[in-house]
């Protein structure tokens, strides 16, 4: 009798683990779909920024303003001016812009996305880094979703670090 009860207990434990495992797989699949959508939206925003950065018709300041709109960097005038000044010299230093390629997008938890892009110029590539963050404000009657904003943006030419 005792052996039968133990067997039933083991069976229930095994069924519970299988059920949890299947739930975890379903949850992971749902998370992956959400991550893909988030990465796709961030990708559109970052690529539009990088394309506009090389566009002579759009002032660099406006390009940064559009990228940073709605985020905490939007009001940081000195930081934006420094980025504008550094990025204004990209073409003279590295050649004409040819293409932008996302090389990595990594989700950190549920509310942070790190993205790296290769900004390909005639003479040398530049690496752009974007950090997106989903605000923590509760949903309201007018907005049921929280918004994503750029909380950090920078660039460098340390290509070798991409291989680490």
Protein backbone atom coordinates (compact mmCIF):
# COMPACT_ATOMS: atom_id res chain seq x y z
CA UNK A 1 0.00 0.00 0.00
CA UNK A 2 2.77 2.38 0.97
CA UNK A 3 4.66 1.54 -2.21
CA UNK A 4 1.53 2.28 -4.31
CA UNK A 5 1.06 5.67 -2.64
CA UNK A 6 4.71 6.51 -3.24
CA UNK A 7 4.33 5.54 -6.91
CA UNK A 8 1.23 7.72 -7.24
CA UNK A 9 3.12 10.61 -5.60
CA UNK A 10 6.02 10.18 -8.03
CA UNK A 11 3.56 10.05 -10.93
CA UNK A 12 1.82 13.26 -9.83
CA UNK A 13 5.18 14.97 -9.37
CA UNK A 14 6.25 13.90 -12.87
CA UNK A 15 2.96 15.13 -14.38
CA UNK A 16 3.31 18.45 -12.56
CA UNK A 17 6.85 18.89 -13.88
CA UNK A 18 5.75 18.08 -17.43
CA UNK A 19 2.85 20.54 -17.15
CA UNK A 20 5.17 23.25 -15.83
CA UNK A 21 7.65 22.51 -18.58
CA UNK A 22 4.99 22.85 -21.27
CA UNK A 23 3.77 26.07 -19.70
CA UNK A 24 7.35 27.35 -19.69
CA UNK A 25 7.75 26.50 -23.37
CA UNK A 26 4.52 28.30 -24.23
CA UNK A 27 5.59 31.30 -22.15
CA UNK A 28 9.00 31.34 -23.83
CA UNK A 29 7.39 31.22 -27.27
CA UNK A 30 5.11 34.11 -26.35
CA UNK A 31 8.10 36.05 -25.04
CA UNK A 32 10.05 35.39 -28.23
CA UNK A 33 7.22 36.76 -30.39
CA UNK A 34 7.06 39.85 -28.20
CA UNK A 35 10.84 40.26 -28.32
CA UNK A 36 10.80 40.00 -32.12
CA UNK A 37 8.16 42.74 -32.33
CA UNK A 38 10.10 44.97 -29.94
CA UNK A 39 13.36 44.42 -31.82
CA UNK A 40 11.63 45.14 -35.13
CA UNK A 41 10.23 48.44 -33.82
CA UNK A 42 13.59 49.44 -32.34
CA UNK A 43 15.30 48.43 -35.59
CA UNK A 44 13.05 50.73 -37.62
CA UNK A 45 13.75 53.60 -35.28
CA UNK A 46 17.53 53.08 -35.18
CA UNK A 47 17.86 52.58 -38.94
CA UNK A 48 15.75 55.68 -39.64
CA UNK A 49 18.07 57.62 -37.33
CA UNK A 50 21.22 56.28 -39.03
CA UNK A 51 19.83 56.93 -42.53
CA UNK A 52 18.79 60.47 -41.57
CA UNK A 53 22.16 61.10 -39.96
CA UNK A 54 23.82 60.80 -43.36
CA UNK A 55 21.08 62.76 -45.13
CA UNK A 56 22.31 66.25 -45.94
CA UNK A 57 18.73 67.56 -46.10
CA UNK A 58 17.95 66.83 -42.45
CA UNK A 59 19.93 68.78 -39.83
CA UNK A 60 21.81 66.50 -37.42
CA UNK A 61 20.11 68.19 -34.45
CA UNK A 62 16.66 67.26 -35.79
CA UNK A 63 17.82 63.68 -36.36
CA UNK A 64 18.86 63.36 -32.71
CA UNK A 65 15.70 65.11 -31.51
CA UNK A 66 13.54 62.59 -33.39
CA UNK A 67 15.47 59.63 -31.95
CA UNK A 68 15.40 60.90 -28.37
CA UNK A 69 11.85 62.28 -28.37
CA UNK A 70 9.85 61.22 -25.33
CA UNK A 71 12.87 59.91 -23.44
CA UNK A 72 15.00 61.26 -20.60
CA UNK A 73 17.75 62.43 -22.98
CA UNK A 74 15.40 64.76 -24.86
CA UNK A 75 16.05 67.57 -22.38
CA UNK A 76 19.81 67.07 -22.01
CA UNK A 77 20.95 69.88 -24.29
CA UNK A 78 24.70 69.65 -23.55
CA UNK A 79 24.83 65.88 -24.06
CA UNK A 80 22.94 66.17 -27.34
CA UNK A 81 25.16 69.01 -28.54
CA UNK A 82 28.26 66.89 -27.85
CA UNK A 83 26.81 63.95 -29.82
CA UNK A 84 25.80 66.27 -32.67
CA UNK A 85 29.29 67.76 -32.83
CA UNK A 86 30.98 64.33 -32.83
CA UNK A 87 28.63 62.81 -35.38
CA UNK A 88 28.79 65.83 -37.71
CA UNK A 89 32.38 64.84 -38.55
CA UNK A 90 31.67 61.20 -39.41
CA UNK A 91 31.78 61.63 -43.18
CA UNK A 92 34.99 63.66 -43.18
CA UNK A 93 36.71 61.08 -40.98
CA UNK A 94 35.33 57.76 -42.26
CA UNK A 95 33.93 58.45 -45.72
CA UNK A 96 30.45 58.55 -47.14
CA UNK A 97 27.78 56.46 -45.43
CA UNK A 98 26.73 53.39 -47.45
CA UNK A 99 24.56 51.17 -45.23
CA UNK A 100 23.52 50.35 -41.68
CA UNK A 101 23.36 46.80 -40.40
CA UNK A 102 22.05 45.60 -37.05
CA UNK A 103 24.65 43.25 -35.64
CA UNK A 104 23.09 42.53 -32.26
CA UNK A 105 19.89 43.10 -30.33
CA UNK A 106 19.72 41.75 -26.81
CA UNK A 107 16.87 41.96 -24.38
CA UNK A 108 17.82 42.52 -20.74
CA UNK A 109 14.87 41.50 -18.62
CA UNK A 110 11.51 42.68 -19.91
CA UNK A 111 12.12 46.42 -20.14
CA UNK A 112 15.61 46.98 -21.62
CA UNK A 113 16.86 46.36 -25.14
CA UNK A 114 20.48 46.81 -26.18
CA UNK A 115 21.14 47.17 -29.91
CA UNK A 116 24.38 47.50 -31.88
CA UNK A 117 24.63 48.68 -35.48
CA UNK A 118 27.44 48.80 -37.96
CA UNK A 119 27.38 52.16 -39.75
CA UNK A 120 29.27 51.31 -42.93
CA UNK A 121 31.22 54.14 -44.51
CA UNK A 122 33.56 54.14 -47.53
CA UNK A 123 36.77 54.06 -45.50
CA UNK A 124 35.89 52.64 -42.10
CA UNK A 125 32.87 51.31 -40.15
CA UNK A 126 31.48 52.95 -37.05
CA UNK A 127 29.64 51.07 -34.28
CA UNK A 128 26.50 52.67 -32.88
CA UNK A 129 25.03 51.52 -29.55
CA UNK A 130 21.41 52.18 -28.57
CA UNK A 131 19.77 51.41 -25.23
CA UNK A 132 15.98 51.30 -25.27
CA UNK A 133 13.95 51.31 -22.06
CA UNK A 134 10.24 50.73 -21.50
CA UNK A 135 8.86 53.28 -19.07
CA UNK A 136 7.43 52.08 -15.79
CA UNK A 137 4.36 54.30 -15.69
CA UNK A 138 1.16 52.35 -15.15
CA UNK A 139 -1.24 51.99 -18.05
CA UNK A 140 -3.96 54.64 -18.19
CA UNK A 141 -7.41 54.85 -19.72
CA UNK A 142 -5.91 56.50 -22.81
CA UNK A 143 -2.84 54.27 -23.11
CA UNK A 144 -2.78 50.60 -22.27
CA UNK A 145 0.85 50.14 -23.32
CA UNK A 146 4.01 51.53 -21.89
CA UNK A 147 6.31 53.30 -24.32
CA UNK A 148 9.91 52.55 -25.30
CA UNK A 149 12.47 55.37 -25.41
CA UNK A 150 16.16 55.69 -26.09
CA UNK A 151 17.97 56.24 -22.79
CA UNK A 152 21.52 55.99 -24.14
CA UNK A 153 23.15 56.39 -27.54
CA UNK A 154 26.82 56.44 -28.42
CA UNK A 155 29.25 55.43 -31.13
CA UNK A 156 32.88 54.42 -31.51
CA UNK A 157 35.24 52.73 -33.93
CA UNK A 158 36.37 49.87 -31.68
CA UNK A 159 35.40 47.18 -34.14
CA UNK A 160 37.52 44.52 -32.40
CA UNK A 161 35.27 44.65 -29.33
CA UNK A 162 32.42 43.26 -31.42
CA UNK A 163 34.22 39.93 -31.60
CA UNK A 164 34.33 39.46 -27.85
